[in-house]
Each structure stands twice: as structure tokens, then as C-alpha cells.
């Protein structure tokens, strides 16, 4: 019965530790907001910058697994190449050591105070930023309450002969420690949770640095399982990123085994923090990942070649479906929201392309271009469905009030873009009728269509730019252009009716002409709707 209570308390403490880490990470992520998004977007081919970015992002979201899953998502979306992914993955391993360094501070005695202050801020703060800070403090407090409970639960274990035998066996057989660390981390899906347990054991006096080190090495292998699972069903390049993560951590462990057996690492961290096994574990975790990165970073090219040998070949041509959005990115909603904007912008540019193709087809009686309009419209419809489904999932995530309103506005924006695509398709249909009936138009009529198209195209271009850059001034200009388009439609309609009266145009050709003007005017209307959404959400 006593052993059952120990297990219950241990599991409860572990649950609090993981939950506290999650709350603190979410609070930090929300507080960072667009800053976190811009950091990831600024990843360049410079491997050192990529490592720094990976470390910062992981330190913020408190999970190397979440960072590597994001990386798999970015690579799958074609936003990041393997060289960039390698740097971020290496940096993520350094960033995750921040948690171990934090928990090595023995703050469990004052942790309830953090919980109290954090809870008050979350409950009574009206401003989102203050609530985010409250969540950071609350998560920090819960994390240390969990650590304290784990340590307290483990103290009775130190008196059990069988427990001491297990620890002695692990300490005497390093490979068992590596296997144990890998399995525990794979099950918990968090290397920070595993190091947290080790720190709790050390605090209870149940483990020394010799027995802890192999488990620390093993937890770096076990953390790869999350990215491996996330890569199932992705592109070849995304699977390569997950394999790269595994090779990096597995290779680092193999490199460090002689250091482990020689006892150099254990002695080094013991000298740095004598008598404090908790700090020794945290320092060993940091040293392992920093040194491993320093060794592996210059070998990135070799690592990529190895991965290409394991998974040969490249991905097929660009798919018609979404390029930027990926369910794996929902782990970090602020990043996912940014990706939705990119996908929406891509959809808008497809609509603009469809409009240009349809008018060129009308002007040149080109059936090949008409077919391209239909193919383009199929892509727009596919993106519309994909983005809509993604927005529904994103709306259920934890977002700031502003982000929630942007998500809601995006539903309307993609609907307007889809309708623009429909109108481009309508113009293609009218072109087919024009070709089949061998209709001809006067120079005046063609000139009026070109003028109307240029203004409509300008309106759409301005709306897309205002959305891409959150530019209110450009958005307001769209309304001015829309008024001009309305006036042009009325003027050209009246002139065309006059041509009908004069007998210079037949009724069938006239109907198509008026339909064409109407479709162009409706495209301008939808462009104005997009611009108004930009104004309303700025």
C-alpha cells in the first residue's frame, strides 16, 4: 500500500511538472507573439544563426520536440531546406537544456507563492499581455510544486534495497541507462520531463551523477520519437529532417560514450558544482548538447548526404494543394496563423493569375489559355477547402483576441478570393462562347474591355498588397478605384447599348460583352471586401 502511494504521488508530481512546463511555454509563446514568428522567418543559410534561432524558440516554447515537429512541418511545406532544418534542430537540443537548468534551482519551497501570484494575474487581469505573464508565473510555480512532490515521493525509495540495486545496476551498466533514458523519454515525449525526474531523484539523494549520465544521454535519443512520428505521411524532405534529428542525437551519444566511460564528464561537472547532483545533471545535459552541436555543425553536409542515402530521391513536383499550412504547425498557433496568411496570399495570387489568363484568352481566342483558367480555378477551390478546414482547427487553439478576429476575417477573405476565381472562370466560359459563335468586337469595345480590366486588376493588386503588408493606406485606395470601376461599367454599358441601336453589334455579342463587364465589376467588389477586412483588423 505504501509503495502504491509513492507511485501515485510520483505520477501526480510528474503530471504537475509537465503541465507547469506546458503553461509556462504557452505563456512565453503568446507573450512573444509575432516576435517568435519573425524569428523563425529570419532563418537564413547561415548555420550559426539557425542554431541560435532553434535555441531561442525552444527556450520560449519549452519543448525541443515541439520545435522539431515545427521544423518537420516547415520542411514539409517547402519553407525550409535540410541545411536550415539541421541548424534549428541542433539549436533546439541546446534550448531544451534551459528547463533542466531552471529545475536545478531548488525553488520548491517558494513555488506555491508563484502559483498564488500567477493564479491571481490569470483570474483578474483583463489585458491579454498580463494574463500571458500570469501564465508564465503560474506555470513556473506549478513546475516547481511538481518537482517538490516528485522529490518527496522518491525519498522513501532510497530506503528500499531493490531500488538501490536497480540504481546500482544502471550505474554499473551504462548501456542500460541509455536504453532506460530513451524509453522513458519516448513514452513521456519530453526530454525535459526525464531530466526533471533525474533532478528529483538527485534531490531525494537517490541517484549520483555516475548513474544519471547514461540516462541523460538516452533521453536525447528518446526525444527523436516525436519528430519521427510527426514525419509519417509527409514529403521525403520532411522525413529526411526527422531522420537527421535521430542521426544527430544518436551520433552525439556514440561520440560521448568514451567520455562517459572515462568518467571525464562526471568529474568535470562535479568540479563545477561540487556536492550538488541536481546542478551536475543540468550542467552535463547542457555540456553534452553544446559540445555535440559544436562537433556536428561543421559536418552538416555529411549528415545530409547520409540522410539522402537512407531516403534517396527528391520530392515530386509542387502539389496543387496547400504549400504553407501543415497540421503539425498547430502546436504553435502563432506560427500557424502566420502560415495561414501566406497560404491565403498564395490563393489570392492564383486568383489574380486566373483573371489575367481569362482576359488574355478572350482577347486572343486561345482555348489553351481557357484550359489553364479551369486548372487554376481547381487549385483555388482546393486551397479554399484546405484553408477553411485549417482555420476551423486553428480557431479552436489558444489565440489572442486580435488573432481570433484575424482568423474570423480570413474566412471572409478566402470566400472573396474564391468568388474572384469563379468570375475569372465565368470570363473563360464567355470566351468559349465567343470562339464557338465566331463573334467579333469593334476596336472601341475591345479598348473598353481592356480599360475595365486594367482598373479591376489594379483594384485586385492593391487589395492583395494591402493584405500582404497590412497597409491601411493601400486598402483605402481600393475603395477609390472601385468607385471608378462602377462608373466605367455604367458608362461602357450605355455606350454598348448605343452600338446595339446603331447596328454595329449583334444582340448575342452584346450580351457577352455586358456579362464580361459585370464579372469584372464583381471582381472589383470582392477586392474592396478584402481591403475592408484589412482596415477592420488593423
Protein backbone atom coordinates (compact mmCIF):
# COMPACT_ATOMS: atom_id res chain seq x y z
CA UNK A 1 0.00 0.00 0.00
CA UNK A 2 2.85 2.33 0.87
CA UNK A 3 4.58 1.65 -2.47
CA UNK A 4 1.28 2.39 -4.28
CA UNK A 5 1.05 5.77 -2.53
CA UNK A 6 4.63 6.52 -3.56
CA UNK A 7 3.77 5.77 -7.21
CA UNK A 8 0.58 7.90 -7.02
CA UNK A 9 2.48 10.86 -5.53
CA UNK A 10 5.27 10.42 -8.07
CA UNK A 11 2.84 10.38 -11.01
CA UNK A 12 0.97 13.37 -9.59
CA UNK A 13 4.22 15.32 -9.24
CA UNK A 14 5.26 14.37 -12.77
CA UNK A 15 1.86 15.47 -14.09
CA UNK A 16 2.19 18.84 -12.36
CA UNK A 17 5.74 19.23 -13.68
CA UNK A 18 4.72 18.56 -17.32
CA UNK A 19 1.57 20.70 -17.02
CA UNK A 20 3.52 23.57 -15.46
CA UNK A 21 6.07 23.37 -18.26
CA UNK A 22 3.24 23.48 -20.83
CA UNK A 23 1.52 26.51 -19.22
CA UNK A 24 4.81 28.38 -18.90
CA UNK A 25 5.72 27.56 -22.53
CA UNK A 26 2.30 28.68 -23.81
CA UNK A 27 2.54 31.90 -21.81
CA UNK A 28 6.02 32.65 -23.16
CA UNK A 29 4.89 31.81 -26.70
CA UNK A 30 1.85 34.11 -26.51
CA UNK A 31 3.88 36.89 -24.93
CA UNK A 32 6.48 36.59 -27.71
CA UNK A 33 3.67 36.62 -30.31
CA UNK A 34 4.75 37.99 -33.69
CA UNK A 35 8.31 38.20 -32.39
CA UNK A 36 8.54 34.40 -32.30
CA UNK A 37 7.08 34.23 -35.82
CA UNK A 38 9.55 36.79 -37.19
CA UNK A 39 12.48 34.97 -35.56
CA UNK A 40 11.62 31.77 -37.41
CA UNK A 41 11.06 33.63 -40.68
CA UNK A 42 14.53 35.17 -40.49
CA UNK A 43 16.33 31.83 -40.63
CA UNK A 44 18.98 32.10 -43.32
CA UNK A 45 21.51 29.69 -44.79
CA UNK A 46 23.93 30.77 -42.04
CA UNK A 47 24.09 27.62 -39.84
CA UNK A 48 25.14 29.52 -36.69
CA UNK A 49 22.08 31.81 -36.93
CA UNK A 50 19.91 28.71 -37.46
CA UNK A 51 21.33 27.15 -34.26
CA UNK A 52 20.68 30.36 -32.29
CA UNK A 53 17.12 30.55 -33.65
CA UNK A 54 16.48 26.91 -32.72
CA UNK A 55 17.79 27.50 -29.19
CA UNK A 56 15.72 30.68 -28.66
CA UNK A 57 12.47 29.20 -29.99
CA UNK A 58 12.88 26.04 -27.88
CA UNK A 59 13.71 28.05 -24.77
CA UNK A 60 10.49 30.01 -25.34
CA UNK A 61 8.12 27.12 -26.05
CA UNK A 62 9.91 24.86 -23.54
CA UNK A 63 10.00 21.82 -25.81
CA UNK A 64 12.62 20.62 -28.29
CA UNK A 65 10.05 18.08 -29.50
CA UNK A 66 7.61 20.88 -30.41
CA UNK A 67 10.39 22.74 -32.24
CA UNK A 68 11.45 19.70 -34.25
CA UNK A 69 7.81 18.92 -35.08
CA UNK A 70 7.50 22.53 -36.32
CA UNK A 71 10.66 22.07 -38.37
CA UNK A 72 9.21 18.91 -39.95
CA UNK A 73 6.08 20.96 -40.75
CA UNK A 74 8.12 23.80 -42.30
CA UNK A 75 10.20 21.39 -44.38
CA UNK A 76 7.04 19.55 -45.45
CA UNK A 77 5.58 22.90 -46.55
CA UNK A 78 8.72 23.67 -48.55
CA UNK A 79 9.60 26.70 -46.40
CA UNK A 80 12.89 25.36 -45.14
CA UNK A 81 15.65 23.24 -46.65
CA UNK A 82 17.53 20.45 -44.88
CA UNK A 83 20.58 22.61 -44.12
CA UNK A 84 18.40 25.19 -42.31
CA UNK A 85 16.45 22.41 -40.56
CA UNK A 86 19.70 20.84 -39.33
CA UNK A 87 20.80 24.09 -37.66
CA UNK A 88 17.46 24.64 -35.94
CA UNK A 89 17.31 21.01 -34.73
CA UNK A 90 20.80 21.33 -33.23
CA UNK A 91 19.82 24.62 -31.59
CA UNK A 92 16.63 23.03 -30.22
CA UNK A 93 18.74 20.49 -28.33
CA UNK A 94 20.62 23.35 -26.66
CA UNK A 95 17.42 25.30 -25.93
CA UNK A 96 15.80 22.35 -24.15
CA UNK A 97 18.61 22.33 -21.55
CA UNK A 98 17.21 25.62 -20.20
CA UNK A 99 14.42 23.64 -18.48
CA UNK A 100 16.93 21.39 -16.73
CA UNK A 101 18.92 24.44 -15.60
CA UNK A 102 15.72 26.02 -14.24
CA UNK A 103 14.60 22.97 -12.27
CA UNK A 104 18.07 22.56 -10.78
CA UNK A 105 17.29 25.69 -8.73
CA UNK A 106 15.65 24.33 -5.60
CA UNK A 107 12.68 26.67 -5.52
CA UNK A 108 10.00 24.17 -4.50
CA UNK A 109 9.74 25.80 -1.05
CA UNK A 110 8.61 29.15 -2.51
CA UNK A 111 6.87 27.67 -5.58
CA UNK A 112 3.36 27.99 -4.02
CA UNK A 113 3.93 31.76 -3.91
CA UNK A 114 4.47 31.78 -7.70
CA UNK A 115 1.29 29.72 -8.11
CA UNK A 116 -0.66 32.20 -5.99
CA UNK A 117 0.63 35.31 -7.82
CA UNK A 118 0.23 33.68 -11.25
CA UNK A 119 -3.31 32.49 -10.49
CA UNK A 120 -4.33 36.00 -9.33
CA UNK A 121 -2.97 37.53 -12.54
CA UNK A 122 -4.72 34.98 -14.75
CA UNK A 123 -8.05 35.34 -12.92
CA UNK A 124 -8.21 39.09 -12.51
CA UNK A 125 -6.12 40.62 -15.33
CA UNK A 126 -8.22 41.98 -18.18
CA UNK A 127 -5.33 42.65 -20.55
CA UNK A 128 -4.08 39.69 -22.61
CA UNK A 129 -0.40 40.52 -22.07
CA UNK A 130 -0.80 40.48 -18.28
CA UNK A 131 -2.63 37.17 -18.48
CA UNK A 132 0.24 35.75 -20.54
CA UNK A 133 2.74 36.92 -17.90
CA UNK A 134 0.44 35.40 -15.26
CA UNK A 135 0.53 32.07 -17.11
CA UNK A 136 4.33 32.19 -17.22
CA UNK A 137 4.49 32.75 -13.44
CA UNK A 138 1.74 30.19 -12.75
CA UNK A 139 3.41 27.56 -14.95
CA UNK A 140 6.78 28.27 -13.30
CA UNK A 141 5.22 27.75 -9.87
CA UNK A 142 3.32 24.56 -10.81
CA UNK A 143 6.50 23.16 -12.37
CA UNK A 144 8.40 23.52 -9.10
CA UNK A 145 5.47 22.26 -7.00
CA UNK A 146 5.57 19.14 -9.18
CA UNK A 147 9.35 18.88 -8.71
CA UNK A 148 8.93 19.14 -4.95
CA UNK A 149 6.24 16.43 -4.91
CA UNK A 150 8.37 14.10 -7.07
CA UNK A 151 11.37 14.57 -4.76
CA UNK A 152 9.23 13.98 -1.65
CA UNK A 153 7.69 10.85 -3.20
CA UNK A 154 11.11 9.46 -4.07
CA UNK A 155 12.69 9.88 -0.63
CA UNK A 156 11.13 6.66 0.76
CA UNK A 157 12.50 4.81 -2.30
CA UNK A 158 16.06 5.47 -1.14
CA UNK A 159 15.40 3.17 1.82
CA UNK A 160 14.33 0.23 -0.39
CA UNK A 161 17.13 -2.28 -1.14
CA UNK A 162 15.59 -3.25 -4.50
CA UNK A 163 15.57 0.39 -5.66
CA UNK A 164 19.22 0.83 -4.70
CA UNK A 165 20.02 -2.38 -6.59
CA UNK A 166 18.30 -1.04 -9.73
CA UNK A 167 20.19 2.26 -9.50
CA UNK A 168 23.44 0.36 -8.89
CA UNK A 169 22.81 -1.87 -11.94
CA UNK A 170 22.13 1.15 -14.16
CA UNK A 171 25.23 2.89 -12.81
CA UNK A 172 27.34 -0.21 -13.40
CA UNK A 173 25.98 -0.91 -16.91
CA UNK A 174 25.95 2.35 -18.87
CA UNK A 175 24.08 0.87 -21.85
CA UNK A 176 21.11 0.04 -19.61
CA UNK A 177 20.98 3.70 -18.53
CA UNK A 178 20.97 4.89 -22.16
CA UNK A 179 18.18 2.44 -23.04
CA UNK A 180 16.17 3.45 -19.92
CA UNK A 181 16.57 7.17 -20.73
CA UNK A 182 15.50 6.63 -24.35
CA UNK A 183 12.42 4.58 -23.38
CA UNK A 184 11.25 6.95 -20.61
CA UNK A 185 11.63 9.99 -22.90
CA UNK A 186 9.90 8.23 -25.81
CA UNK A 187 6.95 7.42 -23.53
CA UNK A 188 6.76 10.89 -21.95
CA UNK A 189 7.64 12.61 -25.28
CA UNK A 190 9.75 15.12 -23.36
CA UNK A 191 13.47 15.04 -22.57
CA UNK A 192 12.81 17.85 -20.08
CA UNK A 193 10.43 15.58 -18.14
CA UNK A 194 13.10 12.86 -17.99
CA UNK A 195 15.77 15.27 -16.74
CA UNK A 196 13.18 16.61 -14.28
CA UNK A 197 12.75 13.11 -12.86
CA UNK A 198 16.53 12.75 -12.60
CA UNK A 199 16.79 16.08 -10.76
CA UNK A 200 14.02 14.94 -8.38
CA UNK A 201 15.89 11.67 -7.75
CA UNK A 202 19.09 13.62 -7.11
CA UNK A 203 17.29 15.98 -4.72
CA UNK A 204 15.98 12.96 -2.80
CA UNK A 205 19.54 11.60 -2.62
CA UNK A 206 18.55 8.53 -4.66
CA UNK A 207 20.98 8.88 -7.57
CA UNK A 208 24.51 10.11 -8.22
CA UNK A 209 25.99 11.68 -11.35
CA UNK A 210 27.54 8.39 -12.50
CA UNK A 211 24.15 6.66 -12.70
CA UNK A 212 22.39 9.77 -14.09
CA UNK A 213 24.71 10.47 -17.05
CA UNK A 214 23.78 7.44 -19.22
CA UNK A 215 20.09 8.28 -18.72
CA UNK A 216 20.78 11.90 -19.79
CA UNK A 217 22.40 10.59 -22.98
CA UNK A 218 19.49 8.21 -23.58
CA UNK A 219 16.86 10.93 -23.22
CA UNK A 220 18.42 12.75 -26.19
CA UNK A 221 17.75 9.67 -28.33
CA UNK A 222 14.22 9.16 -26.98
CA UNK A 223 13.18 12.74 -27.79
CA UNK A 224 13.58 11.92 -31.52
CA UNK A 225 10.49 9.69 -31.46
CA UNK A 226 8.11 12.70 -31.55
CA UNK A 227 9.62 14.08 -34.76
CA UNK A 228 9.74 10.59 -36.28
CA UNK A 229 6.02 10.12 -35.59
CA UNK A 230 5.28 13.62 -36.92
CA UNK A 231 7.06 12.80 -40.20
CA UNK A 232 4.71 9.92 -41.06
CA UNK A 233 2.81 10.77 -44.22
CA UNK A 234 4.95 13.82 -45.05
CA UNK A 235 7.19 14.60 -48.02
CA UNK A 236 10.54 12.87 -48.42
CA UNK A 237 12.38 16.03 -47.36
CA UNK A 238 10.34 16.25 -44.14
CA UNK A 239 11.12 12.60 -43.36
CA UNK A 240 14.77 13.38 -44.01
CA UNK A 241 14.59 16.17 -41.39
CA UNK A 242 13.26 13.70 -38.79
CA UNK A 243 16.00 11.16 -39.66
CA UNK A 244 18.58 13.97 -39.43
CA UNK A 245 17.39 14.67 -35.87
CA UNK A 246 17.83 10.99 -34.96
CA UNK A 247 21.30 10.72 -36.54
CA UNK A 248 22.42 13.92 -34.77
CA UNK A 249 21.39 12.71 -31.31
CA UNK A 250 22.40 9.08 -31.85
CA UNK A 251 25.77 10.14 -33.29
CA UNK A 252 26.35 12.52 -30.38
CA UNK A 253 25.64 9.76 -27.87
CA UNK A 254 28.09 7.40 -29.61
CA UNK A 255 30.76 10.13 -29.64
CA UNK A 256 30.25 10.75 -25.91
CA UNK A 257 30.35 7.10 -24.81
CA UNK A 258 34.18 7.10 -24.41
CA UNK A 259 33.88 10.36 -22.43
CA UNK A 260 31.21 8.68 -20.28
CA UNK A 261 33.30 5.54 -19.66
CA UNK A 262 36.42 7.54 -18.84
CA UNK A 263 34.49 9.50 -16.20
CA UNK A 264 35.80 12.84 -17.54
CA UNK A 265 32.36 14.42 -17.95
CA UNK A 266 31.22 13.31 -14.48
CA UNK A 267 34.38 14.70 -12.90
CA UNK A 268 34.13 17.97 -14.84
CA UNK A 269 30.56 18.75 -13.75
CA UNK A 270 31.39 17.63 -10.19
CA UNK A 271 34.19 20.21 -10.09
CA UNK A 272 31.87 22.94 -11.44
CA UNK A 273 29.09 22.14 -8.92
CA UNK A 274 30.57 20.13 -6.03
CA UNK A 275 28.03 18.42 -3.80
CA UNK A 276 25.02 19.47 -5.93
CA UNK A 277 23.99 16.46 -8.05
CA UNK A 278 20.90 18.32 -9.41
CA UNK A 279 23.08 21.07 -10.88
CA UNK A 280 25.61 18.49 -12.09
CA UNK A 281 22.86 16.73 -14.10
CA UNK A 282 21.67 20.03 -15.60
CA UNK A 283 25.26 21.04 -16.49
CA UNK A 284 26.01 17.62 -18.01
CA UNK A 285 22.86 17.93 -20.16
CA UNK A 286 23.97 21.38 -21.35
CA UNK A 287 27.60 20.35 -21.98
CA UNK A 288 26.51 17.27 -23.95
CA UNK A 289 24.25 19.27 -26.30
CA UNK A 290 26.56 22.27 -26.75
CA UNK A 291 29.63 20.11 -27.49
CA UNK A 292 27.60 17.78 -29.71
CA UNK A 293 26.40 20.79 -31.74
CA UNK A 294 29.95 22.18 -31.99
CA UNK A 295 31.15 18.83 -33.37
CA UNK A 296 28.19 18.13 -35.68
CA UNK A 297 27.57 21.61 -37.12
CA UNK A 298 30.66 21.58 -39.39
CA UNK A 299 29.59 18.07 -40.51
CA UNK A 300 26.09 19.19 -41.62
CA UNK A 301 26.91 18.45 -45.27
CA UNK A 302 27.99 14.90 -44.37
CA UNK A 303 24.86 14.39 -42.25
CA UNK A 304 22.65 15.49 -45.17
CA UNK A 305 24.50 13.11 -47.55
CA UNK A 306 23.93 10.27 -45.08
CA UNK A 307 20.22 11.10 -44.84
CA UNK A 308 19.97 11.23 -48.65
CA UNK A 309 21.48 7.75 -48.79
CA UNK A 310 18.92 6.45 -46.27
CA UNK A 311 15.99 8.12 -48.09
CA UNK A 312 17.10 8.54 -51.72
CA UNK A 313 15.41 10.83 -54.23
CA UNK A 314 13.67 14.18 -54.11
CA UNK A 315 10.03 15.13 -53.75
CA UNK A 316 7.75 15.20 -56.77
CA UNK A 317 6.70 18.46 -58.43
CA UNK A 318 4.76 21.01 -56.41
CA UNK A 319 1.36 19.74 -55.38
CA UNK A 320 -1.82 21.56 -56.24
CA UNK A 321 -2.84 21.59 -52.57
CA UNK A 322 -1.64 23.82 -49.74
CA UNK A 323 2.02 24.71 -49.58
CA UNK A 324 2.36 26.63 -46.31
CA UNK A 325 -0.19 25.20 -43.88
CA UNK A 326 0.50 21.96 -42.02
CA UNK A 327 -1.34 20.43 -39.05
CA UNK A 328 1.98 19.97 -37.23
CA UNK A 329 2.30 23.76 -37.02
CA UNK A 330 -0.90 23.95 -34.92
CA UNK A 331 1.37 23.00 -32.00
CA UNK A 332 2.39 26.67 -32.10
CA UNK A 333 -0.76 28.68 -33.03
CA UNK A 334 1.04 32.00 -33.55
CA UNK A 335 3.21 30.33 -36.23
CA UNK A 336 0.19 28.56 -37.74
CA UNK A 337 -1.68 31.89 -38.01
CA UNK A 338 1.24 33.37 -39.95
CA UNK A 339 1.25 30.37 -42.30
CA UNK A 340 -2.48 30.78 -42.98
CA UNK A 341 -1.80 34.35 -44.10
CA UNK A 342 0.88 33.09 -46.51
CA UNK A 343 -1.43 30.41 -47.92
CA UNK A 344 -4.25 32.94 -48.29
CA UNK A 345 -1.88 35.29 -50.12
CA UNK A 346 -0.88 32.41 -52.41
CA UNK A 347 -4.55 31.72 -53.11
CA UNK A 348 -5.13 35.43 -53.89
CA UNK A 349 -2.24 35.46 -56.36
CA UNK A 350 -3.72 32.38 -58.04
CA UNK A 351 -6.99 34.30 -58.43
CA UNK A 352 -5.09 37.26 -59.92
CA UNK A 353 -3.36 34.89 -62.34
CA UNK A 354 -6.74 33.38 -63.32
CA UNK A 355 -8.11 36.83 -64.12
CA UNK A 356 -5.11 37.69 -66.30
CA UNK A 357 -5.32 34.35 -68.16
CA UNK A 358 -9.07 34.70 -68.78
CA UNK A 359 -8.73 38.20 -70.31
CA UNK A 360 -5.76 37.12 -72.44
CA UNK A 361 -7.80 34.14 -73.66
CA UNK A 362 -10.74 36.45 -74.51
CA UNK A 363 -8.52 38.84 -76.41
CA UNK A 364 -6.68 36.13 -78.40
CA UNK A 365 -9.42 33.45 -78.70
CA UNK A 366 -6.95 30.99 -77.10
CA UNK A 367 -8.56 27.71 -75.95
CA UNK A 368 -5.28 26.55 -74.32
CA UNK A 369 -5.43 29.55 -72.02
CA UNK A 370 -9.06 28.76 -71.23
CA UNK A 371 -7.97 25.29 -70.09
CA UNK A 372 -5.30 26.90 -67.88
CA UNK A 373 -8.00 29.10 -66.29
CA UNK A 374 -10.02 25.97 -65.43
CA UNK A 375 -6.94 24.24 -63.98
CA UNK A 376 -6.10 27.37 -61.98
CA UNK A 377 -9.67 27.52 -60.65
CA UNK A 378 -9.40 23.88 -59.47
CA UNK A 379 -6.31 24.84 -57.45
CA UNK A 380 -8.17 27.83 -55.96
CA UNK A 381 -11.09 25.58 -54.94
CA UNK A 382 -8.69 23.06 -53.37
CA UNK A 383 -6.93 25.82 -51.42
CA UNK A 384 -10.27 27.29 -50.33
CA UNK A 385 -11.33 23.98 -48.80
CA UNK A 386 -7.91 23.33 -47.22
CA UNK A 387 -7.61 26.81 -45.69
CA UNK A 388 -11.22 26.70 -44.41
CA UNK A 389 -10.61 23.37 -42.64
CA UNK A 390 -7.33 24.66 -41.23
CA UNK A 391 -8.96 27.84 -39.95
CA UNK A 392 -11.58 25.75 -38.13
CA UNK A 393 -8.80 23.80 -36.38
CA UNK A 394 -6.85 26.99 -35.66
CA UNK A 395 -9.90 28.75 -34.17
CA UNK A 396 -10.01 26.01 -31.50
CA UNK A 397 -6.40 26.77 -30.45
CA UNK A 398 -5.39 29.30 -27.83
CA UNK A 399 -5.09 32.61 -29.68
CA UNK A 400 -5.04 36.25 -28.65
CA UNK A 401 -8.21 38.29 -29.23
CA UNK A 402 -6.57 40.02 -32.21
CA UNK A 403 -5.52 36.71 -33.76
CA UNK A 404 -9.04 35.31 -33.26
CA UNK A 405 -10.52 38.30 -35.11
CA UNK A 406 -7.96 37.85 -37.92
CA UNK A 407 -8.89 34.16 -38.20
CA UNK A 408 -12.58 35.14 -38.41
CA UNK A 409 -11.80 37.77 -41.08
CA UNK A 410 -9.77 35.24 -43.10
CA UNK A 411 -12.89 33.09 -43.53
CA UNK A 412 -14.48 36.04 -45.39
CA UNK A 413 -11.31 36.89 -47.32
CA UNK A 414 -10.85 33.38 -48.76
CA UNK A 415 -14.54 33.38 -49.73
CA UNK A 416 -14.00 36.63 -51.66
CA UNK A 417 -10.88 35.20 -53.31
CA UNK A 418 -12.77 32.06 -54.30
CA UNK A 419 -15.53 34.19 -55.85
CA UNK A 420 -12.88 36.14 -57.83
CA UNK A 421 -11.69 32.79 -59.19
CA UNK A 422 -15.29 31.94 -60.12
CA UNK A 423 -15.66 35.21 -62.05
CA UNK A 424 -12.40 34.50 -63.92
CA UNK A 425 -13.86 31.11 -64.82
CA UNK A 426 -17.07 32.85 -65.98
CA UNK A 427 -14.99 35.03 -68.32
CA UNK A 428 -13.34 31.86 -69.69
CA UNK A 429 -16.83 30.40 -70.31
CA UNK A 430 -17.82 33.61 -72.16
CA UNK A 431 -14.63 33.31 -74.24
CA UNK A 432 -15.62 29.79 -75.28
CA UNK A 433 -18.98 31.12 -76.44
CA UNK A 434 -17.21 33.90 -78.31
CA UNK A 435 -14.94 31.37 -80.07
CA UNK A 436 -17.73 28.91 -80.87
CA UNK A 437 -20.01 31.64 -82.29
CA UNK A 438 -17.07 33.32 -84.10
CA UNK A 439 -18.03 36.67 -82.58
CA UNK A 440 -16.13 39.85 -83.41
CA UNK A 441 -15.93 43.11 -81.45
CA UNK A 442 -15.18 46.65 -82.56
CA UNK A 443 -11.93 48.37 -81.58
CA UNK A 444 -13.92 50.59 -79.20
CA UNK A 445 -15.44 47.58 -77.43
CA UNK A 446 -12.05 45.84 -77.06
CA UNK A 447 -10.48 49.08 -75.79
CA UNK A 448 -13.27 49.46 -73.20
CA UNK A 449 -12.79 45.86 -72.02
CA UNK A 450 -9.02 46.48 -71.65
CA UNK A 451 -9.63 49.71 -69.70
CA UNK A 452 -12.11 47.97 -67.40
CA UNK A 453 -9.71 45.04 -66.90
CA UNK A 454 -6.78 47.34 -66.08
CA UNK A 455 -8.79 49.14 -63.37
CA UNK A 456 -10.16 45.86 -61.97
CA UNK A 457 -6.69 44.31 -62.00
CA UNK A 458 -5.31 47.41 -60.25
CA UNK A 459 -8.03 47.11 -57.60
CA UNK A 460 -7.23 43.42 -57.00
CA UNK A 461 -3.47 44.04 -56.94
CA UNK A 462 -3.93 46.87 -54.43
CA UNK A 463 -6.16 44.70 -52.22
CA UNK A 464 -3.65 41.83 -52.26
CA UNK A 465 -0.76 44.17 -51.40
CA UNK A 466 -2.74 45.77 -48.56
CA UNK A 467 -3.44 42.28 -47.16
CA UNK A 468 0.18 41.13 -47.54
CA UNK A 469 1.64 44.22 -45.87
CA UNK A 470 -1.26 45.16 -43.55
CA UNK A 471 -1.21 48.52 -45.36
CA UNK A 472 -4.31 50.57 -44.46
CA UNK A 473 -3.47 53.38 -46.93
CA UNK A 474 -3.42 50.95 -49.87
CA UNK A 475 -6.63 49.35 -48.58
CA UNK A 476 -8.36 52.74 -48.60
CA UNK A 477 -7.22 53.36 -52.19
CA UNK A 478 -9.11 50.25 -53.30
CA UNK A 479 -12.41 51.97 -52.45
CA UNK A 480 -11.47 54.90 -54.75
CA UNK A 481 -10.68 52.50 -57.61
CA UNK A 482 -13.95 50.61 -57.01
CA UNK A 483 -15.95 53.84 -57.49
CA UNK A 484 -14.11 54.36 -60.81
CA UNK A 485 -14.86 50.78 -61.89
CA UNK A 486 -18.58 51.26 -61.13
CA UNK A 487 -18.63 54.46 -63.20
CA UNK A 488 -16.78 52.73 -66.05
CA UNK A 489 -19.23 49.84 -66.09
CA UNK A 490 -22.22 52.21 -66.31
CA UNK A 491 -20.55 54.33 -69.00
CA UNK A 492 -19.46 51.37 -71.15
CA UNK A 493 -22.84 49.67 -70.76
CA UNK A 494 -24.59 52.80 -72.06
CA UNK A 495 -22.13 53.11 -74.96
CA UNK A 496 -22.65 49.47 -75.85
CA UNK A 497 -26.43 49.84 -75.87
CA UNK A 498 -25.90 52.74 -78.29
CA UNK A 499 -23.84 50.40 -80.53
CA UNK A 500 -26.73 47.94 -80.45
CA UNK A 501 -29.13 50.69 -81.55
CA UNK A 502 -26.71 51.68 -84.32
CA UNK A 503 -26.48 48.06 -85.51
CA UNK A 504 -22.67 47.87 -85.12
CA UNK A 505 -23.01 44.96 -82.67
CA UNK A 506 -25.41 42.00 -82.58
CA UNK A 507 -27.50 41.04 -79.54
CA UNK A 508 -25.59 37.81 -78.70
CA UNK A 509 -22.20 39.53 -78.76
CA UNK A 510 -23.71 42.39 -76.75
CA UNK A 511 -24.95 40.02 -74.02
CA UNK A 512 -21.45 38.51 -73.68
CA UNK A 513 -19.89 41.99 -73.57
CA UNK A 514 -22.25 43.10 -70.77
CA UNK A 515 -21.66 39.84 -68.86
CA UNK A 516 -17.92 40.40 -69.13
CA UNK A 517 -18.23 43.93 -67.72
CA UNK A 518 -20.42 42.60 -64.91
CA UNK A 519 -17.86 39.91 -63.95
CA UNK A 520 -15.05 42.47 -63.90
CA UNK A 521 -17.14 44.82 -61.73
CA UNK A 522 -17.91 41.97 -59.29
CA UNK A 523 -14.19 41.15 -59.04
CA UNK A 524 -13.60 44.78 -58.05
CA UNK A 525 -16.36 44.45 -55.41
CA UNK A 526 -14.67 41.41 -53.87
CA UNK A 527 -11.32 43.24 -53.94
CA UNK A 528 -12.93 46.02 -51.92
CA UNK A 529 -14.26 43.44 -49.43
CA UNK A 530 -10.69 42.17 -48.90
CA UNK A 531 -9.42 45.73 -48.38
CA UNK A 532 -12.19 46.46 -45.85
CA UNK A 533 -11.16 43.35 -43.86
CA UNK A 534 -7.60 44.72 -43.74
CA UNK A 535 -8.88 48.07 -42.43
CA UNK A 536 -11.17 46.44 -39.85
CA UNK A 537 -8.39 44.21 -38.45
CA UNK A 538 -5.54 46.73 -38.33
